Amino acid sequence: MEEVVGDNASPVTPLAKWRNDFSRAFQYYLDRSAPHITRRWLGTLAAAAVYVLRVYYVDPELEALDGTSLPTKDSDEFRPFIRRLPEFKCWYAITKAFCVAFLMTFFSVFDVPVFWPILFFYWVFLFILTMKRQITHMIKYRYVPFNIGKQSYAGKKSAEGAKVHRID
């Protein structure tokens, strides 16, 4: 067979070949790590500890904290939002985030001072943006993870004649 060389032929560049080889090797080791849950999470904790130590030793503003923090209430009830996310994908995302955050600490362009209310509203914006699908689903099926006042029923007359079923 003859190799067709023309305008449509795209020669494989060394960079594209290296990227393909690296991607395959990375996926191979990622697949091999899937059954080792404890070791993966211990590695993630080690990466988080290295990141925290790096931020602690690099951040000069830790001494300048004036005690301001986000407001919290002790009377709030904890109601977690249970997400259907596989453990492996959760581990992978967390580990990748810590590695990227660790690498970002080496570049001064990312040292941006942030006033905490701006950071809080930015977090709320990102949360709403990423949870848009889940929130619309909750609104569509009338699922609200908190109480909105007292629940009301049909009354004495209709309650005597028929059973009131409540779905929780």
C-alpha atoms as a PDB file:
ATOM      1  CA  MET A   1       0.000   0.000   0.000  1.00  0.00           C
ATOM      2  CA  GLU A   2       1.074   3.491  -0.652  1.00  0.00           C
ATOM      3  CA  GLU A   3       0.829   6.250   1.910  1.00  0.00           C
ATOM      4  CA  VAL A   4      -1.321   9.125   0.717  1.00  0.00           C
ATOM      5  CA  VAL A   5       0.301  12.487   1.221  1.00  0.00           C
ATOM      6  CA  GLY A   6      -1.698  15.541   0.369  1.00  0.00           C
ATOM      7  CA  ASP A   7      -3.537  18.496   1.784  1.00  0.00           C
ATOM      8  CA  ASN A   8      -5.699  16.334   4.062  1.00  0.00           C
ATOM      9  CA  ALA A   9      -2.777  14.439   5.581  1.00  0.00           C
ATOM     10  CA  SER A  10      -1.875  15.686   9.042  1.00  0.00           C
ATOM     11  CA  PRO A  11       1.582  14.730  10.221  1.00  0.00           C
ATOM     12  CA  VAL A  12       1.753  13.691  13.848  1.00  0.00           C
ATOM     13  CA  THR A  13       3.827  16.242  15.690  1.00  0.00           C
ATOM     14  CA  PRO A  14       6.140  15.114  18.473  1.00  0.00           C
ATOM     15  CA  LEU A  15       4.133  17.163  20.964  1.00  0.00           C
ATOM     16  CA  ALA A  16       0.868  15.454  19.971  1.00  0.00           C
ATOM     17  CA  LYS A  17       2.540  12.044  20.178  1.00  0.00           C
ATOM     18  CA  TRP A  18       3.953  12.826  23.624  1.00  0.00           C
ATOM     19  CA  ARG A  19       0.559  14.084  24.801  1.00  0.00           C
ATOM     20  CA  ASN A  20      -1.148  10.914  23.537  1.00  0.00           C
ATOM     21  CA  ASP A  21       1.451   8.667  25.203  1.00  0.00           C
ATOM     22  CA  PHE A  22       1.215  10.603  28.448  1.00  0.00           C
ATOM     23  CA  SER A  23      -2.596  10.459  28.387  1.00  0.00           C
ATOM     24  CA  ARG A  24      -2.550   6.692  27.896  1.00  0.00           C
ATOM     25  CA  ALA A  25       0.008   6.129  30.659  1.00  0.00           C
ATOM     26  CA  PHE A  26      -1.907   8.424  33.027  1.00  0.00           C
ATOM     27  CA  GLN A  27      -5.190   6.609  32.327  1.00  0.00           C
ATOM     28  CA  TYR A  28      -3.459   3.238  32.827  1.00  0.00           C
ATOM     29  CA  TYR A  29      -2.228   4.184  36.297  1.00  0.00           C
ATOM     30  CA  LEU A  30      -5.534   5.855  37.132  1.00  0.00           C
ATOM     31  CA  ASP A  31      -7.395   2.635  36.252  1.00  0.00           C
ATOM     32  CA  ARG A  32      -4.958   0.560  38.316  1.00  0.00           C
ATOM     33  CA  SER A  33      -5.535   2.811  41.348  1.00  0.00           C
ATOM     34  CA  ALA A  34      -9.330   2.366  41.302  1.00  0.00           C
ATOM     35  CA  PRO A  35      -9.556  -0.664  43.651  1.00  0.00           C
ATOM     36  CA  HIS A  36      -7.151   0.830  46.234  1.00  0.00           C
ATOM     37  CA  ILE A  37      -9.586   3.170  47.997  1.00  0.00           C
ATOM     38  CA  THR A  38      -7.683   3.587  51.269  1.00  0.00           C
ATOM     39  CA  ARG A  39      -4.329   4.207  49.605  1.00  0.00           C
ATOM     40  CA  ARG A  40      -5.837   6.754  47.214  1.00  0.00           C
ATOM     41  CA  TRP A  41      -7.432   8.743  50.039  1.00  0.00           C
ATOM     42  CA  LEU A  42      -4.248   8.589  52.107  1.00  0.00           C
ATOM     43  CA  GLY A  43      -2.380   9.999  49.112  1.00  0.00           C
ATOM     44  CA  THR A  44      -4.965  12.761  48.803  1.00  0.00           C
ATOM     45  CA  LEU A  45      -4.611  13.576  52.507  1.00  0.00           C
ATOM     46  CA  ALA A  46      -0.836  13.727  52.046  1.00  0.00           C
ATOM     47  CA  ALA A  47      -1.281  16.100  49.082  1.00  0.00           C
ATOM     48  CA  ALA A  48      -3.662  18.238  51.164  1.00  0.00           C
ATOM     49  CA  ALA A  49      -1.176  18.329  54.059  1.00  0.00           C
ATOM     50  CA  VAL A  50       1.649  19.393  51.744  1.00  0.00           C
ATOM     51  CA  TYR A  51      -0.614  22.087  50.280  1.00  0.00           C
ATOM     52  CA  VAL A  52      -1.652  23.371  53.717  1.00  0.00           C
ATOM     53  CA  LEU A  53       1.973  23.484  54.859  1.00  0.00           C
ATOM     54  CA  ARG A  54       2.964  25.328  51.686  1.00  0.00           C
ATOM     55  CA  VAL A  55       0.207  27.913  52.142  1.00  0.00           C
ATOM     56  CA  TYR A  56       1.020  28.299  55.840  1.00  0.00           C
ATOM     57  CA  TYR A  57       4.682  29.025  55.220  1.00  0.00           C
ATOM     58  CA  VAL A  58       4.118  31.246  52.185  1.00  0.00           C
ATOM     59  CA  ASP A  59       1.142  33.307  53.449  1.00  0.00           C
ATOM     60  CA  PRO A  60       2.394  36.397  55.313  1.00  0.00           C
ATOM     61  CA  GLU A  61      -1.087  37.540  56.298  1.00  0.00           C
ATOM     62  CA  LEU A  62      -1.759  34.823  58.889  1.00  0.00           C
ATOM     63  CA  GLU A  63      -0.351  37.047  61.631  1.00  0.00           C
ATOM     64  CA  ALA A  64      -2.448  40.007  60.490  1.00  0.00           C
ATOM     65  CA  LEU A  65      -5.853  38.357  60.964  1.00  0.00           C
ATOM     66  CA  ASP A  66      -8.113  40.584  63.036  1.00  0.00           C
ATOM     67  CA  GLY A  67     -10.609  37.885  63.994  1.00  0.00           C
ATOM     68  CA  THR A  68     -13.090  38.551  61.196  1.00  0.00           C
ATOM     69  CA  SER A  69     -14.729  35.475  59.769  1.00  0.00           C
ATOM     70  CA  LEU A  70     -17.971  34.391  58.186  1.00  0.00           C
ATOM     71  CA  PRO A  71     -20.948  34.563  60.547  1.00  0.00           C
ATOM     72  CA  THR A  72     -22.238  31.262  61.877  1.00  0.00           C
ATOM     73  CA  LYS A  73     -25.144  30.333  64.103  1.00  0.00           C
ATOM     74  CA  ASP A  74     -25.153  27.485  66.565  1.00  0.00           C
ATOM     75  CA  SER A  75     -28.931  27.169  66.270  1.00  0.00           C
ATOM     76  CA  ASP A  76     -28.853  26.188  62.572  1.00  0.00           C
ATOM     77  CA  GLU A  77     -29.761  22.574  61.976  1.00  0.00           C
ATOM     78  CA  PHE A  78     -27.380  20.589  59.797  1.00  0.00           C
ATOM     79  CA  ARG A  79     -29.178  19.126  56.792  1.00  0.00           C
ATOM     80  CA  PRO A  80     -26.703  17.738  54.296  1.00  0.00           C
ATOM     81  CA  PHE A  81     -27.395  17.561  50.598  1.00  0.00           C
ATOM     82  CA  ILE A  82     -26.717  13.976  49.609  1.00  0.00           C
ATOM     83  CA  ARG A  83     -25.038  13.833  46.243  1.00  0.00           C
ATOM     84  CA  ARG A  84     -24.933  10.802  43.999  1.00  0.00           C
ATOM     85  CA  LEU A  85     -21.297  11.073  43.057  1.00  0.00           C
ATOM     86  CA  PRO A  86     -19.125   7.969  42.765  1.00  0.00           C
ATOM     87  CA  GLU A  87     -16.314   7.817  45.293  1.00  0.00           C
ATOM     88  CA  PHE A  88     -13.643   7.511  42.622  1.00  0.00           C
ATOM     89  CA  LYS A  89     -14.764  10.647  40.781  1.00  0.00           C
ATOM     90  CA  CYS A  90     -14.924  12.534  44.075  1.00  0.00           C
ATOM     91  CA  TRP A  91     -11.407  11.396  45.016  1.00  0.00           C
ATOM     92  CA  TYR A  92     -10.060  12.280  41.577  1.00  0.00           C
ATOM     93  CA  ALA A  93     -11.568  15.769  41.609  1.00  0.00           C
ATOM     94  CA  ILE A  94     -10.300  16.538  45.114  1.00  0.00           C
ATOM     95  CA  THR A  95      -6.799  15.267  44.375  1.00  0.00           C
ATOM     96  CA  LYS A  96      -6.620  17.208  41.113  1.00  0.00           C
ATOM     97  CA  ALA A  97      -7.810  20.369  42.877  1.00  0.00           C
ATOM     98  CA  PHE A  98      -5.145  20.079  45.577  1.00  0.00           C
ATOM     99  CA  CYS A  99      -2.404  19.470  43.011  1.00  0.00           C
ATOM    100  CA  VAL A 100      -3.440  22.474  40.912  1.00  0.00           C
ATOM    101  CA  ALA A 101      -3.774  24.662  44.012  1.00  0.00           C
ATOM    102  CA  PHE A 102      -0.320  23.536  45.179  1.00  0.00           C
ATOM    103  CA  LEU A 103       1.234  24.421  41.820  1.00  0.00           C
ATOM    104  CA  MET A 104      -0.493  27.824  41.849  1.00  0.00           C
ATOM    105  CA  THR A 105       1.251  28.741  45.119  1.00  0.00           C
ATOM    106  CA  PHE A 106       4.572  28.943  43.256  1.00  0.00           C
ATOM    107  CA  PHE A 107       3.446  31.829  41.010  1.00  0.00           C
ATOM    108  CA  SER A 108       2.970  35.306  42.464  1.00  0.00           C
ATOM    109  CA  VAL A 109       0.384  36.261  39.841  1.00  0.00           C
ATOM    110  CA  PHE A 110      -2.165  34.233  41.834  1.00  0.00           C
ATOM    111  CA  ASP A 111      -1.480  36.132  45.087  1.00  0.00           C
ATOM    112  CA  VAL A 112      -4.584  38.278  44.977  1.00  0.00           C
ATOM    113  CA  PRO A 113      -5.832  39.889  48.205  1.00  0.00           C
ATOM    114  CA  VAL A 114      -9.525  39.185  48.693  1.00  0.00           C
ATOM    115  CA  PHE A 115     -11.985  40.851  51.051  1.00  0.00           C
ATOM    116  CA  TRP A 116     -14.065  38.060  52.619  1.00  0.00           C
ATOM    117  CA  PRO A 117     -17.574  39.340  51.683  1.00  0.00           C
ATOM    118  CA  ILE A 118     -16.534  39.431  48.028  1.00  0.00           C
ATOM    119  CA  LEU A 119     -15.186  35.899  48.326  1.00  0.00           C
ATOM    120  CA  PHE A 120     -18.410  34.760  49.995  1.00  0.00           C
ATOM    121  CA  PHE A 121     -20.639  36.203  47.261  1.00  0.00           C
ATOM    122  CA  TYR A 122     -18.337  34.746  44.618  1.00  0.00           C
ATOM    123  CA  TRP A 123     -18.759  31.340  46.265  1.00  0.00           C
ATOM    124  CA  VAL A 124     -22.565  31.746  46.304  1.00  0.00           C
ATOM    125  CA  PHE A 125     -22.510  32.692  42.611  1.00  0.00           C
ATOM    126  CA  LEU A 126     -20.394  29.656  41.706  1.00  0.00           C
ATOM    127  CA  PHE A 127     -22.572  27.383  43.842  1.00  0.00           C
ATOM    128  CA  ILE A 128     -25.748  28.556  42.118  1.00  0.00           C
ATOM    129  CA  LEU A 129     -24.097  28.295  38.723  1.00  0.00           C
ATOM    130  CA  THR A 130     -22.914  24.722  39.284  1.00  0.00           C
ATOM    131  CA  MET A 131     -26.031  23.566  41.113  1.00  0.00           C
ATOM    132  CA  LYS A 132     -28.478  25.050  38.596  1.00  0.00           C
ATOM    133  CA  ARG A 133     -29.643  21.658  37.317  1.00  0.00           C
ATOM    134  CA  GLN A 134     -30.138  20.226  40.794  1.00  0.00           C
ATOM    135  CA  ILE A 135     -31.952  23.321  42.012  1.00  0.00           C
ATOM    136  CA  THR A 136     -34.353  23.333  39.029  1.00  0.00           C
ATOM    137  CA  HIS A 137     -34.996  19.620  39.637  1.00  0.00           C
ATOM    138  CA  MET A 138     -35.750  20.328  43.303  1.00  0.00           C
ATOM    139  CA  ILE A 139     -38.125  23.142  42.368  1.00  0.00           C
ATOM    140  CA  LYS A 140     -39.846  21.024  39.700  1.00  0.00           C
ATOM    141  CA  TYR A 141     -40.579  18.165  42.116  1.00  0.00           C
ATOM    142  CA  ARG A 142     -41.265  20.499  45.049  1.00  0.00           C
ATOM    143  CA  TYR A 143     -38.422  19.195  47.154  1.00  0.00           C
ATOM    144  CA  VAL A 144     -37.204  21.757  49.644  1.00  0.00           C
ATOM    145  CA  PRO A 145     -34.458  20.692  52.080  1.00  0.00           C
ATOM    146  CA  PHE A 146     -35.772  23.006  54.806  1.00  0.00           C
ATOM    147  CA  ASN A 147     -39.136  23.784  56.441  1.00  0.00           C
ATOM    148  CA  ILE A 148     -41.149  26.769  55.343  1.00  0.00           C
ATOM    149  CA  GLY A 149     -43.415  27.457  58.284  1.00  0.00           C
ATOM    150  CA  LYS A 150     -46.104  25.237  59.723  1.00  0.00           C
ATOM    151  CA  GLN A 151     -47.698  22.607  57.501  1.00  0.00           C
ATOM    152  CA  SER A 152     -51.463  23.004  57.091  1.00  0.00           C
ATOM    153  CA  TYR A 153     -54.040  20.332  56.440  1.00  0.00           C
ATOM    154  CA  ALA A 154     -57.525  20.370  54.911  1.00  0.00           C
ATOM    155  CA  GLY A 155     -59.328  20.786  58.238  1.00  0.00           C
ATOM    156  CA  LYS A 156     -61.630  18.862  60.591  1.00  0.00           C
ATOM    157  CA  LYS A 157     -64.466  18.171  58.137  1.00  0.00           C
ATOM    158  CA  SER A 158     -62.390  16.613  55.387  1.00  0.00           C
ATOM    159  CA  ALA A 159     -60.066  14.909  57.903  1.00  0.00           C
ATOM    160  CA  GLU A 160     -62.994  13.051  59.513  1.00  0.00           C
ATOM    161  CA  GLY A 161     -64.297  11.677  56.230  1.00  0.00           C
ATOM    162  CA  ALA A 162     -61.044  10.784  54.569  1.00  0.00           C
ATOM    163  CA  LYS A 163     -57.583   9.827  55.634  1.00  0.00           C
ATOM    164  CA  VAL A 164     -54.888  12.371  55.007  1.00  0.00           C
ATOM    165  CA  HIS A 165     -51.744  10.769  53.674  1.00  0.00           C
ATOM    166  CA  ARG A 166     -48.518  12.610  54.099  1.00  0.00           C
ATOM    167  CA  ILE A 167     -45.515  11.736  51.960  1.00  0.00           C
ATOM    168  CA  ASP A 168     -42.183  12.434  53.606  1.00  0.00           C
END
